[in-house]
Amino acid sequence: MTDEQFGVLTELLRGTPESPANQAARAVLVAGMTQADAMRATGATRSTVHDAVKRYGDADAKIRRAYLPASGGIK
């Protein structure tokens, strides 16, 4: 996922860009950081990081399925 795509998801999901959960999810989904490293970098709890990554990842997948069913998604 690109940084721009993550920003759009944050807006659509009414996330708070400054929150540790959002920053951790961005680190994992955009930068490729492990959840453990994102947890340490942001100070978020393990469950917060897991839940945020799942929430943003699921939303991304749902949007890709709805808008790009034939192509299999954006790379």
PDB file of N, CA and C in Angstrom:
ATOM      1  N   MET A   1       0.852  -1.165   0.000  1.00  0.00           N
ATOM      2  CA  MET A   1       0.000   0.000   0.000  1.00  0.00           C
ATOM      3  C   MET A   1       0.902   1.234   0.000  1.00  0.00           C
ATOM      4  N   THR A   2       0.485   2.243  -0.749  1.00  0.00           N
ATOM      5  CA  THR A   2       1.278   3.472  -0.781  1.00  0.00           C
ATOM      6  C   THR A   2       0.889   4.388   0.376  1.00  0.00           C
ATOM      7  N   ASP A   3       1.731   5.365   0.619  1.00  0.00           N
ATOM      8  CA  ASP A   3       1.447   6.349   1.659  1.00  0.00           C
ATOM      9  C   ASP A   3       0.163   7.115   1.333  1.00  0.00           C
ATOM     10  N   GLU A   4      -0.016   7.449   0.061  1.00  0.00           N
ATOM     11  CA  GLU A   4      -1.223   8.168  -0.358  1.00  0.00           C
ATOM     12  C   GLU A   4      -2.471   7.317  -0.127  1.00  0.00           C
ATOM     13  N   GLN A   5      -2.416   6.040  -0.471  1.00  0.00           N
ATOM     14  CA  GLN A   5      -3.551   5.142  -0.254  1.00  0.00           C
ATOM     15  C   GLN A   5      -3.880   5.031   1.236  1.00  0.00           C
ATOM     16  N   PHE A   6      -2.847   4.932   2.054  1.00  0.00           N
ATOM     17  CA  PHE A   6      -3.085   4.853   3.492  1.00  0.00           C
ATOM     18  C   PHE A   6      -3.734   6.135   3.996  1.00  0.00           C
ATOM     19  N   GLY A   7      -3.294   7.273   3.486  1.00  0.00           N
ATOM     20  CA  GLY A   7      -3.898   8.547   3.868  1.00  0.00           C
ATOM     21  C   GLY A   7      -5.374   8.608   3.522  1.00  0.00           C
ATOM     22  N   VAL A   8      -5.732   8.090   2.356  1.00  0.00           N
ATOM     23  CA  VAL A   8      -7.143   8.059   1.951  1.00  0.00           C
ATOM     24  C   VAL A   8      -7.930   7.141   2.885  1.00  0.00           C
ATOM     25  N   LEU A   9      -7.375   5.976   3.208  1.00  0.00           N
ATOM     26  CA  LEU A   9      -8.054   5.071   4.141  1.00  0.00           C
ATOM     27  C   LEU A   9      -8.249   5.731   5.500  1.00  0.00           C
ATOM     28  N   THR A  10      -7.243   6.436   5.967  1.00  0.00           N
ATOM     29  CA  THR A  10      -7.351   7.133   7.248  1.00  0.00           C
ATOM     30  C   THR A  10      -8.513   8.113   7.218  1.00  0.00           C
ATOM     31  N   GLU A  11      -8.611   8.835   6.125  1.00  0.00           N
ATOM     32  CA  GLU A  11      -9.701   9.803   5.972  1.00  0.00           C
ATOM     33  C   GLU A  11     -11.059   9.099   5.925  1.00  0.00           C
ATOM     34  N   LEU A  12     -11.176   8.057   5.114  1.00  0.00           N
ATOM     35  CA  LEU A  12     -12.444   7.338   4.977  1.00  0.00           C
ATOM     36  C   LEU A  12     -12.874   6.664   6.277  1.00  0.00           C
ATOM     37  N   LEU A  13     -11.912   6.159   7.024  1.00  0.00           N
ATOM     38  CA  LEU A  13     -12.214   5.475   8.282  1.00  0.00           C
ATOM     39  C   LEU A  13     -12.264   6.431   9.468  1.00  0.00           C
ATOM     40  N   ARG A  14     -12.081   7.710   9.173  1.00  0.00           N
ATOM     41  CA  ARG A  14     -12.086   8.752  10.199  1.00  0.00           C
ATOM     42  C   ARG A  14     -11.050   8.490  11.291  1.00  0.00           C
ATOM     43  N   GLY A  15      -9.888   8.062  10.840  1.00  0.00           N
ATOM     44  CA  GLY A  15      -8.784   7.814  11.758  1.00  0.00           C
ATOM     45  C   GLY A  15      -8.088   9.108  12.138  1.00  0.00           C
ATOM     46  N   THR A  16      -7.296   9.029  13.166  1.00  0.00           N
ATOM     47  CA  THR A  16      -6.516  10.173  13.633  1.00  0.00           C
ATOM     48  C   THR A  16      -5.057   9.930  13.259  1.00  0.00           C
ATOM     49  N   PRO A  17      -4.538  10.684  12.274  1.00  0.00           N
ATOM     50  CA  PRO A  17      -3.174  10.427  11.805  1.00  0.00           C
ATOM     51  C   PRO A  17      -2.109  10.462  12.897  1.00  0.00           C
ATOM     52  N   GLU A  18      -2.339  11.235  13.945  1.00  0.00           N
ATOM     53  CA  GLU A  18      -1.339  11.375  15.012  1.00  0.00           C
ATOM     54  C   GLU A  18      -1.399  10.259  16.047  1.00  0.00           C
ATOM     55  N   SER A  19      -2.432   9.430  15.999  1.00  0.00           N
ATOM     56  CA  SER A  19      -2.584   8.405  17.033  1.00  0.00           C
ATOM     57  C   SER A  19      -1.535   7.309  16.877  1.00  0.00           C
ATOM     58  N   PRO A  20      -1.112   6.721  17.996  1.00  0.00           N
ATOM     59  CA  PRO A  20      -0.152   5.618  17.919  1.00  0.00           C
ATOM     60  C   PRO A  20      -0.663   4.458  17.062  1.00  0.00           C
ATOM     61  N   ALA A  21      -1.957   4.176  17.126  1.00  0.00           N
ATOM     62  CA  ALA A  21      -2.523   3.078  16.335  1.00  0.00           C
ATOM     63  C   ALA A  21      -2.372   3.354  14.849  1.00  0.00           C
ATOM     64  N   ASN A  22      -2.707   4.558  14.431  1.00  0.00           N
ATOM     65  CA  ASN A  22      -2.605   4.927  13.022  1.00  0.00           C
ATOM     66  C   ASN A  22      -1.150   4.914  12.571  1.00  0.00           C
ATOM     67  N   GLN A  23      -0.276   5.472  13.374  1.00  0.00           N
ATOM     68  CA  GLN A  23       1.142   5.508  13.015  1.00  0.00           C
ATOM     69  C   GLN A  23       1.722   4.095  12.913  1.00  0.00           C
ATOM     70  N   ALA A  24       1.295   3.219  13.803  1.00  0.00           N
ATOM     71  CA  ALA A  24       1.781   1.839  13.768  1.00  0.00           C
ATOM     72  C   ALA A  24       1.267   1.115  12.527  1.00  0.00           C
ATOM     73  N   ALA A  25      -0.012   1.282  12.223  1.00  0.00           N
ATOM     74  CA  ALA A  25      -0.572   0.640  11.031  1.00  0.00           C
ATOM     75  C   ALA A  25       0.128   1.147   9.774  1.00  0.00           C
ATOM     76  N   ARG A  26       0.389   2.442   9.702  1.00  0.00           N
ATOM     77  CA  ARG A  26       1.109   3.014   8.550  1.00  0.00           C
ATOM     78  C   ARG A  26       2.510   2.393   8.441  1.00  0.00           C
ATOM     79  N   ALA A  27       3.187   2.254   9.573  1.00  0.00           N
ATOM     80  CA  ALA A  27       4.535   1.683   9.566  1.00  0.00           C
ATOM     81  C   ALA A  27       4.526   0.250   9.036  1.00  0.00           C
ATOM     82  N   VAL A  28       3.519  -0.514   9.419  1.00  0.00           N
ATOM     83  CA  VAL A  28       3.426  -1.909   8.989  1.00  0.00           C
ATOM     84  C   VAL A  28       2.989  -2.005   7.527  1.00  0.00           C
ATOM     85  N   LEU A  29       1.895  -1.330   7.185  1.00  0.00           N
ATOM     86  CA  LEU A  29       1.290  -1.506   5.864  1.00  0.00           C
ATOM     87  C   LEU A  29       1.982  -0.727   4.749  1.00  0.00           C
ATOM     88  N   VAL A  30       2.605   0.383   5.084  1.00  0.00           N
ATOM     89  CA  VAL A  30       3.267   1.203   4.060  1.00  0.00           C
ATOM     90  C   VAL A  30       4.773   0.958   4.052  1.00  0.00           C
ATOM     91  N   ALA A  31       5.381   1.005   5.224  1.00  0.00           N
ATOM     92  CA  ALA A  31       6.841   0.904   5.307  1.00  0.00           C
ATOM     93  C   ALA A  31       7.350  -0.531   5.417  1.00  0.00           C
ATOM     94  N   GLY A  32       6.441  -1.485   5.687  1.00  0.00           N
ATOM     95  CA  GLY A  32       6.856  -2.876   5.779  1.00  0.00           C
ATOM     96  C   GLY A  32       7.484  -3.275   7.104  1.00  0.00           C
ATOM     97  N   MET A  33       7.297  -2.455   8.124  1.00  0.00           N
ATOM     98  CA  MET A  33       7.839  -2.740   9.450  1.00  0.00           C
ATOM     99  C   MET A  33       7.063  -3.911  10.070  1.00  0.00           C
ATOM    100  N   THR A  34       7.701  -4.666  10.929  1.00  0.00           N
ATOM    101  CA  THR A  34       6.975  -5.717  11.637  1.00  0.00           C
ATOM    102  C   THR A  34       6.059  -5.075  12.678  1.00  0.00           C
ATOM    103  N   GLN A  35       5.028  -5.809  13.075  1.00  0.00           N
ATOM    104  CA  GLN A  35       4.127  -5.283  14.095  1.00  0.00           C
ATOM    105  C   GLN A  35       4.869  -5.054  15.405  1.00  0.00           C
ATOM    106  N   ALA A  36       5.788  -5.927  15.742  1.00  0.00           N
ATOM    107  CA  ALA A  36       6.554  -5.765  16.986  1.00  0.00           C
ATOM    108  C   ALA A  36       7.392  -4.488  16.944  1.00  0.00           C
ATOM    109  N   ASP A  37       8.041  -4.238  15.818  1.00  0.00           N
ATOM    110  CA  ASP A  37       8.842  -3.018  15.691  1.00  0.00           C
ATOM    111  C   ASP A  37       7.957  -1.776  15.700  1.00  0.00           C
ATOM    112  N   ALA A  38       6.801  -1.857  15.058  1.00  0.00           N
ATOM    113  CA  ALA A  38       5.870  -0.723  15.049  1.00  0.00           C
ATOM    114  C   ALA A  38       5.356  -0.444  16.456  1.00  0.00           C
ATOM    115  N   MET A  39       5.132  -1.495  17.221  1.00  0.00           N
ATOM    116  CA  MET A  39       4.685  -1.351  18.603  1.00  0.00           C
ATOM    117  C   MET A  39       5.737  -0.598  19.416  1.00  0.00           C
ATOM    118  N   ARG A  40       6.976  -1.009  19.277  1.00  0.00           N
ATOM    119  CA  ARG A  40       8.058  -0.345  20.008  1.00  0.00           C
ATOM    120  C   ARG A  40       8.253   1.096  19.546  1.00  0.00           C
ATOM    121  N   ALA A  41       8.158   1.334  18.255  1.00  0.00           N
ATOM    122  CA  ALA A  41       8.398   2.673  17.704  1.00  0.00           C
ATOM    123  C   ALA A  41       7.315   3.676  18.090  1.00  0.00           C
ATOM    124  N   THR A  42       6.081   3.193  18.244  1.00  0.00           N
ATOM    125  CA  THR A  42       4.962   4.111  18.498  1.00  0.00           C
ATOM    126  C   THR A  42       4.487   4.115  19.943  1.00  0.00           C
ATOM    127  N   GLY A  43       4.868   3.098  20.705  1.00  0.00           N
ATOM    128  CA  GLY A  43       4.388   2.999  22.077  1.00  0.00           C
ATOM    129  C   GLY A  43       2.994   2.414  22.185  1.00  0.00           C
ATOM    130  N   ALA A  44       2.439   1.963  21.067  1.00  0.00           N
ATOM    131  CA  ALA A  44       1.109   1.348  21.080  1.00  0.00           C
ATOM    132  C   ALA A  44       1.211  -0.063  21.658  1.00  0.00           C
ATOM    133  N   THR A  45       0.118  -0.544  22.210  1.00  0.00           N
ATOM    134  CA  THR A  45       0.103  -1.905  22.741  1.00  0.00           C
ATOM    135  C   THR A  45       0.044  -2.906  21.594  1.00  0.00           C
ATOM    136  N   ARG A  46       0.371  -4.135  21.914  1.00  0.00           N
ATOM    137  CA  ARG A  46       0.343  -5.204  20.909  1.00  0.00           C
ATOM    138  C   ARG A  46      -1.043  -5.348  20.291  1.00  0.00           C
ATOM    139  N   SER A  47      -2.076  -5.337  21.122  1.00  0.00           N
ATOM    140  CA  SER A  47      -3.436  -5.496  20.600  1.00  0.00           C
ATOM    141  C   SER A  47      -3.870  -4.290  19.775  1.00  0.00           C
ATOM    142  N   THR A  48      -3.439  -3.102  20.168  1.00  0.00           N
ATOM    143  CA  THR A  48      -3.775  -1.897  19.405  1.00  0.00           C
ATOM    144  C   THR A  48      -3.164  -1.963  18.015  1.00  0.00           C
ATOM    145  N   VAL A  49      -1.907  -2.377  17.935  1.00  0.00           N
ATOM    146  CA  VAL A  49      -1.241  -2.486  16.633  1.00  0.00           C
ATOM    147  C   VAL A  49      -1.944  -3.536  15.783  1.00  0.00           C
ATOM    148  N   HIS A  50      -2.198  -4.695  16.367  1.00  0.00           N
ATOM    149  CA  HIS A  50      -2.869  -5.770  15.627  1.00  0.00           C
ATOM    150  C   HIS A  50      -4.224  -5.306  15.102  1.00  0.00           C
ATOM    151  N   ASP A  51      -5.020  -4.698  15.967  1.00  0.00           N
ATOM    152  CA  ASP A  51      -6.363  -4.251  15.573  1.00  0.00           C
ATOM    153  C   ASP A  51      -6.310  -3.188  14.478  1.00  0.00           C
ATOM    154  N   ALA A  52      -5.374  -2.257  14.586  1.00  0.00           N
ATOM    155  CA  ALA A  52      -5.263  -1.188  13.587  1.00  0.00           C
ATOM    156  C   ALA A  52      -4.811  -1.745  12.240  1.00  0.00           C
ATOM    157  N   VAL A  53      -3.837  -2.632  12.253  1.00  0.00           N
ATOM    158  CA  VAL A  53      -3.365  -3.232  11.000  1.00  0.00           C
ATOM    159  C   VAL A  53      -4.495  -4.018  10.350  1.00  0.00           C
ATOM    160  N   LYS A  54      -5.242  -4.750  11.145  1.00  0.00           N
ATOM    161  CA  LYS A  54      -6.377  -5.515  10.613  1.00  0.00           C
ATOM    162  C   LYS A  54      -7.439  -4.581  10.051  1.00  0.00           C
ATOM    163  N   ARG A  55      -7.774  -3.543  10.774  1.00  0.00           N
ATOM    164  CA  ARG A  55      -8.815  -2.601  10.342  1.00  0.00           C
ATOM    165  C   ARG A  55      -8.452  -1.944   9.011  1.00  0.00           C
ATOM    166  N   TYR A  56      -7.247  -1.399   8.926  1.00  0.00           N
ATOM    167  CA  TYR A  56      -6.830  -0.719   7.697  1.00  0.00           C
ATOM    168  C   TYR A  56      -6.588  -1.715   6.563  1.00  0.00           C
ATOM    169  N   GLY A  57      -6.022  -2.856   6.880  1.00  0.00           N
ATOM    170  CA  GLY A  57      -5.794  -3.881   5.854  1.00  0.00           C
ATOM    171  C   GLY A  57      -7.090  -4.428   5.289  1.00  0.00           C
ATOM    172  N   ASP A  58      -8.063  -4.678   6.163  1.00  0.00           N
ATOM    173  CA  ASP A  58      -9.366  -5.168   5.707  1.00  0.00           C
ATOM    174  C   ASP A  58     -10.078  -4.138   4.844  1.00  0.00           C
ATOM    175  N   ALA A  59     -10.014  -2.870   5.239  1.00  0.00           N
ATOM    176  CA  ALA A  59     -10.650  -1.803   4.452  1.00  0.00           C
ATOM    177  C   ALA A  59      -9.992  -1.697   3.082  1.00  0.00           C
ATOM    178  N   ASP A  60      -8.679  -1.789   3.038  1.00  0.00           N
ATOM    179  CA  ASP A  60      -7.957  -1.736   1.767  1.00  0.00           C
ATOM    180  C   ASP A  60      -8.401  -2.879   0.859  1.00  0.00           C
ATOM    181  N   ALA A  61      -8.473  -4.083   1.398  1.00  0.00           N
ATOM    182  CA  ALA A  61      -8.872  -5.246   0.607  1.00  0.00           C
ATOM    183  C   ALA A  61     -10.301  -5.102   0.091  1.00  0.00           C
ATOM    184  N   LYS A  62     -11.185  -4.599   0.921  1.00  0.00           N
ATOM    185  CA  LYS A  62     -12.583  -4.425   0.528  1.00  0.00           C
ATOM    186  C   LYS A  62     -12.707  -3.420  -0.620  1.00  0.00           C
ATOM    187  N   ILE A  63     -11.986  -2.322  -0.528  1.00  0.00           N
ATOM    188  CA  ILE A  63     -12.015  -1.308  -1.587  1.00  0.00           C
ATOM    189  C   ILE A  63     -11.448  -1.882  -2.881  1.00  0.00           C
ATOM    190  N   ARG A  64     -10.360  -2.605  -2.786  1.00  0.00           N
ATOM    191  CA  ARG A  64      -9.755  -3.192  -3.990  1.00  0.00           C
ATOM    192  C   ARG A  64     -10.696  -4.193  -4.651  1.00  0.00           C
ATOM    193  N   ARG A  65     -11.379  -5.007  -3.860  1.00  0.00           N
ATOM    194  CA  ARG A  65     -12.331  -5.976  -4.427  1.00  0.00           C
ATOM    195  C   ARG A  65     -13.482  -5.266  -5.123  1.00  0.00           C
ATOM    196  N   ALA A  66     -13.957  -4.186  -4.531  1.00  0.00           N
ATOM    197  CA  ALA A  66     -15.106  -3.472  -5.091  1.00  0.00           C
ATOM    198  C   ALA A  66     -14.761  -2.740  -6.383  1.00  0.00           C
ATOM    199  N   TYR A  67     -13.589  -2.141  -6.435  1.00  0.00           N
ATOM    200  CA  TYR A  67     -13.241  -1.304  -7.577  1.00  0.00           C
ATOM    201  C   TYR A  67     -12.380  -1.986  -8.624  1.00  0.00           C
ATOM    202  N   LEU A  68     -11.712  -3.048  -8.267  1.00  0.00           N
ATOM    203  CA  LEU A  68     -10.792  -3.695  -9.200  1.00  0.00           C
ATOM    204  C   LEU A  68     -10.992  -5.210  -9.254  1.00  0.00           C
ATOM    205  N   PRO A  69     -12.225  -5.679  -9.419  1.00  0.00           N
ATOM    206  CA  PRO A  69     -12.452  -7.123  -9.351  1.00  0.00           C
ATOM    207  C   PRO A  69     -11.761  -7.922 -10.456  1.00  0.00           C
ATOM    208  N   ALA A  70     -11.681  -7.381 -11.660  1.00  0.00           N
ATOM    209  CA  ALA A  70     -11.109  -8.135 -12.774  1.00  0.00           C
ATOM    210  C   ALA A  70      -9.584  -8.145 -12.760  1.00  0.00           C
ATOM    211  N   SER A  71      -8.991  -7.079 -12.259  1.00  0.00           N
ATOM    212  CA  SER A  71      -7.535  -6.964 -12.324  1.00  0.00           C
ATOM    213  C   SER A  71      -6.827  -7.618 -11.152  1.00  0.00           C
ATOM    214  N   GLY A  72      -7.557  -7.937 -10.110  1.00  0.00           N
ATOM    215  CA  GLY A  72      -6.931  -8.540  -8.944  1.00  0.00           C
ATOM    216  C   GLY A  72      -6.280  -7.539  -8.014  1.00  0.00           C
ATOM    217  N   GLY A  73      -6.517  -6.271  -8.241  1.00  0.00           N
ATOM    218  CA  GLY A  73      -6.006  -5.240  -7.338  1.00  0.00           C
ATOM    219  C   GLY A  73      -4.838  -4.473  -7.908  1.00  0.00           C
ATOM    220  N   ILE A  74      -4.480  -3.449  -7.185  1.00  0.00           N
ATOM    221  CA  ILE A  74      -3.356  -2.594  -7.545  1.00  0.00           C
ATOM    222  C   ILE A  74      -2.106  -3.166  -6.901  1.00  0.00           C
ATOM    223  N   LYS A  75      -1.031  -3.137  -7.590  1.00  0.00           N
ATOM    224  CA  LYS A  75       0.240  -3.623  -7.036  1.00  0.00           C
ATOM    225  C   LYS A  75       0.980  -2.499  -6.376  1.00  0.00           C
TER     226      LYS A  75
END
